Amino acid sequence: MLDWNNKNYDTLVVGSSYACFGYDEKIANGHAKTLALPSQDLYYASKIINRCNKKKRSLKNIVIGLGYYTIYSDLSRTDNEDELSRISNVYYPIFGDSHNACILPPTIQVYRSFVWDIQNIMEYFSNRIYSATFGSYFSNIHDRKKLKTIMWENGSKDWEELSVNEREHAGKKRAEFHNKSIHYKESYAENISILNELTDLCQQENIKLYICVYPASKEYNEYTNKQLIVDFWNALSQINGEIHVLDLNTCDIFQTEDFNDMDHLSACGARKATALINEVIGISE
């Protein structure tokens, strides 16, 4: 977010791990900044959008990257401690907002010292790391392939190395996990309200709002509850303002090698997706 404030970006990309893995800002010619993170829901995406818009009046485009099931998602209501810790360590320190969470895991401990200024030391090395990785989420020390979601037996194998049966089993397992989201009716209604508020903001500020549904593997899509897809489009039909929707699941250009796992893009898949998004927005390479 400091980088956003200091540079002349006009396109903000937010959203879940789909956008984090799926948008390659390096081919956006300095136009776009990605502030998407794993498990980021629409609530915290909207917090980021509002904060960035206040700091930068040159904002022209907002891209929210998600999956169909995201319309039912609320990070603060998950029972997964690792996911909740992202509120403890990222969103709460920035926004002071735990949303609907009653109890959060403890934050990462920063030890105090009477000799050393620990906070300044941490900021110094954080800036050095950020510069060394050119501000990219993925790097040699944060390897994309090592961050794959493993739902197959041999974790040393990459997605494209799996047999057909292994990919089929993993895709089914992952899709069935997300299919459970359909029961979170309260979150569904809240996310529709969030999107309506965002379209109001974009209309006032003359910003174009895009929703990008990122592609998943055919093995995942085969087992997705089709009602989730129907509900996603029904939710968008309840948005009063203007939203441009790009559904990359309708493209037939993504192959097995374009995925890092069942539903996250590999580096080459991200380049394909980014090129399509940039073409729609009007960003040239």
Protein backbone atom coordinates (compact mmCIF):
# COMPACT_ATOMS: atom_id res chain seq x y z
CA MET A 1 0.00 0.00 0.00
CA LEU A 2 2.98 2.31 0.56
CA ASP A 3 4.10 1.44 -2.95
CA TRP A 4 0.62 2.32 -4.23
CA ASN A 5 0.85 5.74 -2.58
CA ASN A 6 4.32 6.46 -3.93
CA LYS A 7 3.89 5.49 -7.58
CA ASN A 8 1.62 6.49 -10.42
CA TYR A 9 -0.62 3.43 -10.74
CA ASP A 10 -4.09 3.82 -12.25
CA THR A 11 -5.32 0.22 -11.88
CA LEU A 12 -5.83 -1.57 -8.57
CA VAL A 13 -6.14 -5.36 -8.44
CA VAL A 14 -7.61 -6.90 -5.29
CA GLY A 15 -9.23 -10.20 -4.38
CA SER A 16 -8.42 -13.67 -3.22
CA SER A 17 -5.54 -16.02 -3.98
CA TYR A 18 -7.00 -16.39 -7.47
CA ALA A 19 -5.99 -12.80 -8.24
CA CYS A 20 -2.78 -13.10 -6.22
CA PHE A 21 -1.69 -16.10 -8.32
CA GLY A 22 -3.45 -14.95 -11.47
CA TYR A 23 -2.48 -11.34 -12.16
CA ASP A 24 1.10 -10.61 -13.22
CA GLU A 25 1.59 -6.88 -12.68
CA LYS A 26 5.04 -7.04 -14.29
CA ILE A 27 3.39 -7.05 -17.73
CA ALA A 28 1.10 -4.11 -16.94
CA ASN A 29 3.67 -1.44 -17.91
CA GLY A 30 3.54 0.22 -14.50
CA HIS A 31 -0.22 0.78 -14.69
CA ALA A 32 -1.38 -1.81 -12.15
CA LYS A 33 -0.64 -2.78 -8.56
CA THR A 34 -1.83 -6.04 -7.05
CA LEU A 35 -2.96 -5.95 -3.42
CA ALA A 36 -4.70 -9.31 -3.60
CA LEU A 37 -3.83 -11.91 -0.97
CA PRO A 38 -4.85 -15.50 -0.20
CA SER A 39 -8.25 -15.66 1.56
CA GLN A 40 -8.96 -11.97 0.90
CA ASP A 41 -12.76 -11.61 0.84
CA LEU A 42 -14.93 -8.85 -0.59
CA TYR A 43 -15.10 -7.05 2.75
CA TYR A 44 -11.34 -6.55 3.09
CA ALA A 45 -10.99 -5.98 -0.65
CA SER A 46 -13.44 -3.09 -0.25
CA LYS A 47 -11.43 -1.73 2.71
CA ILE A 48 -8.32 -1.69 0.54
CA ILE A 49 -10.18 -0.04 -2.34
CA ASN A 50 -11.52 2.73 -0.13
CA ARG A 51 -8.12 3.38 1.46
CA CYS A 52 -6.32 3.45 -1.90
CA ASN A 53 -8.93 5.69 -3.48
CA LYS A 54 -8.49 8.27 -0.73
CA LYS A 55 -4.76 8.32 -1.30
CA LYS A 56 -4.79 8.37 -5.09
CA ARG A 57 -7.27 10.32 -7.17
CA SER A 58 -5.79 8.99 -10.41
CA LEU A 59 -7.45 5.61 -9.88
CA LYS A 60 -9.24 4.60 -13.09
CA ASN A 61 -9.78 0.84 -12.88
CA ILE A 62 -10.47 -1.64 -10.10
CA VAL A 63 -10.25 -5.38 -10.76
CA ILE A 64 -11.66 -7.79 -8.17
CA GLY A 65 -10.39 -11.31 -8.80
CA LEU A 66 -12.45 -14.15 -7.35
CA GLY A 67 -14.17 -17.49 -7.83
CA TYR A 68 -17.90 -18.18 -8.03
CA TYR A 69 -18.01 -19.28 -4.39
CA THR A 70 -16.47 -15.99 -3.20
CA ILE A 71 -19.92 -14.41 -3.14
CA TYR A 72 -20.56 -16.60 -0.09
CA SER A 73 -17.19 -15.93 1.60
CA ASP A 74 -16.45 -14.06 4.81
CA LEU A 75 -12.88 -14.44 6.06
CA SER A 76 -13.82 -13.34 9.57
CA ARG A 77 -16.32 -16.21 9.96
CA THR A 78 -13.96 -19.02 8.98
CA ASP A 79 -12.95 -21.61 11.56
CA ASN A 80 -9.54 -22.05 9.91
CA GLU A 81 -6.95 -20.56 12.27
CA ASP A 82 -4.35 -20.04 9.52
CA GLU A 83 -6.84 -18.00 7.51
CA LEU A 84 -8.00 -16.02 10.55
CA SER A 85 -4.38 -15.17 11.31
CA ARG A 86 -4.39 -13.09 8.13
CA ILE A 87 -6.78 -10.74 9.88
CA SER A 88 -4.55 -10.71 12.98
CA ASN A 89 -1.34 -10.02 11.06
CA VAL A 90 -2.48 -8.03 8.02
CA TYR A 91 -5.94 -6.49 8.04
CA TYR A 92 -6.42 -5.63 11.69
CA PRO A 93 -3.03 -3.85 12.01
CA ILE A 94 -3.85 -1.77 8.90
CA PHE A 95 -7.55 -1.11 9.31
CA GLY A 96 -8.25 -1.82 12.99
CA ASP A 97 -11.21 -3.90 11.86
CA SER A 98 -11.84 -7.56 12.64
CA HIS A 99 -15.24 -7.52 10.87
CA ASN A 100 -17.39 -10.39 12.21
CA ALA A 101 -14.62 -12.25 14.04
CA CYS A 102 -15.22 -12.76 17.76
CA ILE A 103 -11.81 -14.23 18.58
CA LEU A 104 -8.62 -13.88 16.53
CA PRO A 105 -5.38 -15.86 16.75
CA PRO A 106 -2.51 -13.93 18.36
CA THR A 107 -0.44 -11.71 16.12
CA ILE A 108 3.16 -12.52 15.24
CA GLN A 109 5.18 -11.46 18.28
CA VAL A 110 7.63 -8.58 17.89
CA TYR A 111 10.13 -8.78 20.73
CA ARG A 112 11.12 -5.63 22.57
CA SER A 113 14.66 -4.56 23.25
CA PHE A 114 16.19 -1.83 25.39
CA VAL A 115 19.14 -1.71 23.00
CA TRP A 116 17.77 -2.19 19.48
CA ASP A 117 14.94 -0.39 17.70
CA ILE A 118 13.23 -3.58 16.56
CA GLN A 119 10.48 -1.83 14.61
CA ASN A 120 12.93 0.17 12.49
CA ILE A 121 15.08 -2.91 11.94
CA MET A 122 12.05 -4.85 10.71
CA GLU A 123 11.01 -2.02 8.41
CA TYR A 124 14.55 -1.75 7.02
CA PHE A 125 14.77 -5.44 6.12
CA SER A 126 11.17 -5.51 4.87
CA ASN A 127 12.02 -2.70 2.44
CA ARG A 128 15.22 -4.48 1.37
CA ILE A 129 13.31 -7.71 0.68
CA TYR A 130 10.56 -5.82 -1.14
CA SER A 131 13.12 -4.09 -3.36
CA ALA A 132 15.06 -7.28 -4.00
CA THR A 133 11.91 -9.08 -5.19
CA PHE A 134 10.76 -6.03 -7.19
CA GLY A 135 7.60 -5.90 -5.09
CA SER A 136 6.43 -9.28 -6.37
CA TYR A 137 4.47 -11.66 -4.14
CA PHE A 138 6.39 -14.57 -5.69
CA SER A 139 10.17 -14.76 -5.70
CA ASN A 140 13.07 -17.15 -5.13
CA ILE A 141 12.35 -17.00 -1.40
CA HIS A 142 8.58 -17.27 -1.86
CA ASP A 143 8.26 -19.78 -4.67
CA ARG A 144 4.90 -20.13 -6.42
CA LYS A 145 5.13 -23.88 -6.86
CA LYS A 146 5.96 -24.41 -3.20
CA LEU A 147 2.81 -22.47 -2.30
CA LYS A 148 0.51 -24.81 -4.21
CA THR A 149 -2.55 -26.18 -2.42
CA ILE A 150 -1.77 -29.88 -2.10
CA MET A 151 -4.73 -32.24 -2.15
CA TRP A 152 -2.92 -35.27 -3.53
CA GLU A 153 -0.83 -37.95 -1.88
CA ASN A 154 2.68 -37.17 -3.10
CA GLY A 155 3.26 -33.52 -2.19
CA SER A 156 6.62 -33.44 -3.99
CA LYS A 157 4.80 -33.71 -7.32
CA ASP A 158 3.64 -30.61 -9.19
CA TRP A 159 0.16 -30.41 -10.68
CA GLU A 160 1.25 -31.18 -14.25
CA GLU A 161 3.20 -34.22 -13.00
CA LEU A 162 0.12 -35.92 -11.56
CA SER A 163 -1.68 -38.74 -13.30
CA VAL A 164 -5.16 -38.17 -14.71
CA ASN A 165 -6.68 -40.01 -11.76
CA GLU A 166 -4.67 -38.02 -9.22
CA ARG A 167 -5.79 -34.73 -10.73
CA GLU A 168 -9.39 -35.95 -10.88
CA HIS A 169 -9.39 -36.89 -7.21
CA ALA A 170 -7.72 -33.62 -6.14
CA GLY A 171 -10.09 -31.50 -8.24
CA LYS A 172 -13.12 -33.21 -6.75
CA LYS A 173 -11.83 -32.80 -3.21
CA ARG A 174 -11.12 -29.10 -3.67
CA ALA A 175 -14.43 -28.36 -5.40
CA GLU A 176 -16.43 -30.18 -2.73
CA PHE A 177 -14.67 -28.12 -0.07
CA HIS A 178 -15.75 -24.89 -1.77
CA ASN A 179 -19.25 -26.22 -2.47
CA LYS A 180 -19.94 -26.04 1.28
CA SER A 181 -19.88 -22.24 1.01
CA ILE A 182 -23.41 -22.27 -0.37
CA HIS A 183 -24.83 -22.52 3.15
CA TYR A 184 -23.53 -19.09 4.22
CA LYS A 185 -26.64 -17.10 3.29
CA GLU A 186 -25.89 -14.18 5.61
CA SER A 187 -22.47 -13.64 4.04
CA TYR A 188 -24.06 -13.85 0.58
CA ALA A 189 -26.43 -10.99 1.42
CA GLU A 190 -23.64 -8.92 2.98
CA ASN A 191 -21.41 -9.34 -0.07
CA ILE A 192 -24.19 -8.09 -2.34
CA SER A 193 -24.40 -4.97 -0.15
CA ILE A 194 -20.61 -4.53 -0.33
CA LEU A 195 -20.68 -4.69 -4.12
CA ASN A 196 -23.52 -2.16 -4.24
CA GLU A 197 -21.48 0.21 -2.08
CA LEU A 198 -18.47 -0.26 -4.35
CA THR A 199 -20.46 0.53 -7.47
CA ASP A 200 -21.75 3.69 -5.78
CA LEU A 201 -18.16 4.71 -5.01
CA CYS A 202 -17.02 3.97 -8.55
CA GLN A 203 -19.86 5.98 -10.03
CA GLN A 204 -19.02 8.96 -7.83
CA GLU A 205 -15.30 8.77 -8.62
CA ASN A 206 -15.64 7.86 -12.31
CA ILE A 207 -13.83 4.54 -11.80
CA LYS A 208 -14.50 1.40 -13.84
CA LEU A 209 -15.17 -1.68 -11.70
CA TYR A 210 -14.30 -5.09 -13.12
CA ILE A 211 -14.99 -8.50 -11.64
CA CYS A 212 -12.77 -11.25 -12.98
CA VAL A 213 -13.76 -14.86 -12.36
CA TYR A 214 -10.48 -16.71 -12.60
CA PRO A 215 -10.32 -20.06 -14.36
CA ALA A 216 -10.05 -23.34 -12.53
CA SER A 217 -8.85 -26.66 -13.88
CA LYS A 218 -11.33 -28.85 -15.73
CA GLU A 219 -10.97 -31.39 -12.91
CA TYR A 220 -12.17 -28.76 -10.43
CA ASN A 221 -14.94 -27.34 -12.61
CA GLU A 222 -16.41 -30.76 -13.23
CA TYR A 223 -17.35 -31.06 -9.54
CA THR A 224 -18.35 -27.46 -8.81
CA ASN A 225 -21.91 -27.18 -7.54
CA LYS A 226 -23.63 -25.49 -10.47
CA GLN A 227 -25.98 -23.72 -8.07
CA LEU A 228 -22.97 -21.71 -6.88
CA ILE A 229 -22.58 -20.37 -10.41
CA VAL A 230 -26.30 -19.57 -10.67
CA ASP A 231 -26.18 -17.79 -7.30
CA PHE A 232 -23.12 -15.81 -8.37
CA TRP A 233 -24.90 -14.40 -11.42
CA ASN A 234 -28.08 -13.85 -9.41
CA ALA A 235 -26.06 -11.79 -6.93
CA LEU A 236 -24.65 -9.64 -9.72
CA SER A 237 -28.16 -9.06 -11.05
CA GLN A 238 -28.94 -7.40 -7.70
CA ILE A 239 -26.18 -4.81 -8.10
CA ASN A 240 -27.61 -1.41 -8.94
CA GLY A 241 -24.45 0.13 -10.39
CA GLU A 242 -22.24 -0.82 -13.30
CA ILE A 243 -19.88 -3.80 -13.14
CA HIS A 244 -17.91 -5.23 -16.04
CA VAL A 245 -17.57 -9.01 -15.67
CA LEU A 246 -14.85 -11.12 -17.25
CA ASP A 247 -15.39 -14.86 -16.76
CA LEU A 248 -12.18 -16.62 -17.72
CA ASN A 249 -13.81 -20.02 -17.21
CA THR A 250 -15.48 -19.44 -20.56
CA CYS A 251 -12.08 -19.31 -22.29
CA ASP A 252 -10.66 -22.49 -23.78
CA ILE A 253 -7.03 -21.39 -23.74
CA PHE A 254 -6.06 -22.71 -20.30
CA GLN A 255 -4.40 -26.13 -20.23
CA THR A 256 -3.02 -28.37 -17.47
CA GLU A 257 0.35 -26.58 -17.45
CA ASP A 258 -1.41 -23.26 -16.79
CA PHE A 259 -2.34 -24.35 -13.26
CA ASN A 260 -0.32 -24.51 -10.07
CA ASP A 261 -2.92 -26.79 -8.50
CA MET A 262 -6.65 -27.45 -8.83
CA ASP A 263 -7.76 -23.80 -9.00
CA HIS A 264 -4.73 -21.49 -8.93
CA LEU A 265 -2.81 -20.40 -12.00
CA SER A 266 0.84 -21.15 -12.70
CA ALA A 267 3.21 -18.44 -13.92
CA CYS A 268 2.40 -19.11 -17.58
CA GLY A 269 -1.32 -19.27 -16.79
CA ALA A 270 -1.10 -15.94 -14.98
CA ARG A 271 0.51 -14.33 -18.01
CA LYS A 272 -2.36 -15.56 -20.20
CA ALA A 273 -4.99 -14.32 -17.75
CA THR A 274 -3.26 -10.97 -17.28
CA ALA A 275 -3.05 -10.42 -21.02
CA LEU A 276 -6.79 -10.99 -21.34
CA ILE A 277 -7.61 -8.67 -18.43
CA ASN A 278 -5.29 -5.95 -19.69
CA GLU A 279 -6.85 -6.15 -23.14
CA VAL A 280 -10.30 -5.56 -21.66
CA ILE A 281 -9.08 -2.69 -19.46
CA GLY A 282 -7.03 -1.14 -22.23
CA ILE A 283 -3.52 -1.70 -20.84
CA SER A 284 -1.04 -2.43 -23.61
CA GLU A 285 2.17 -4.42 -23.09
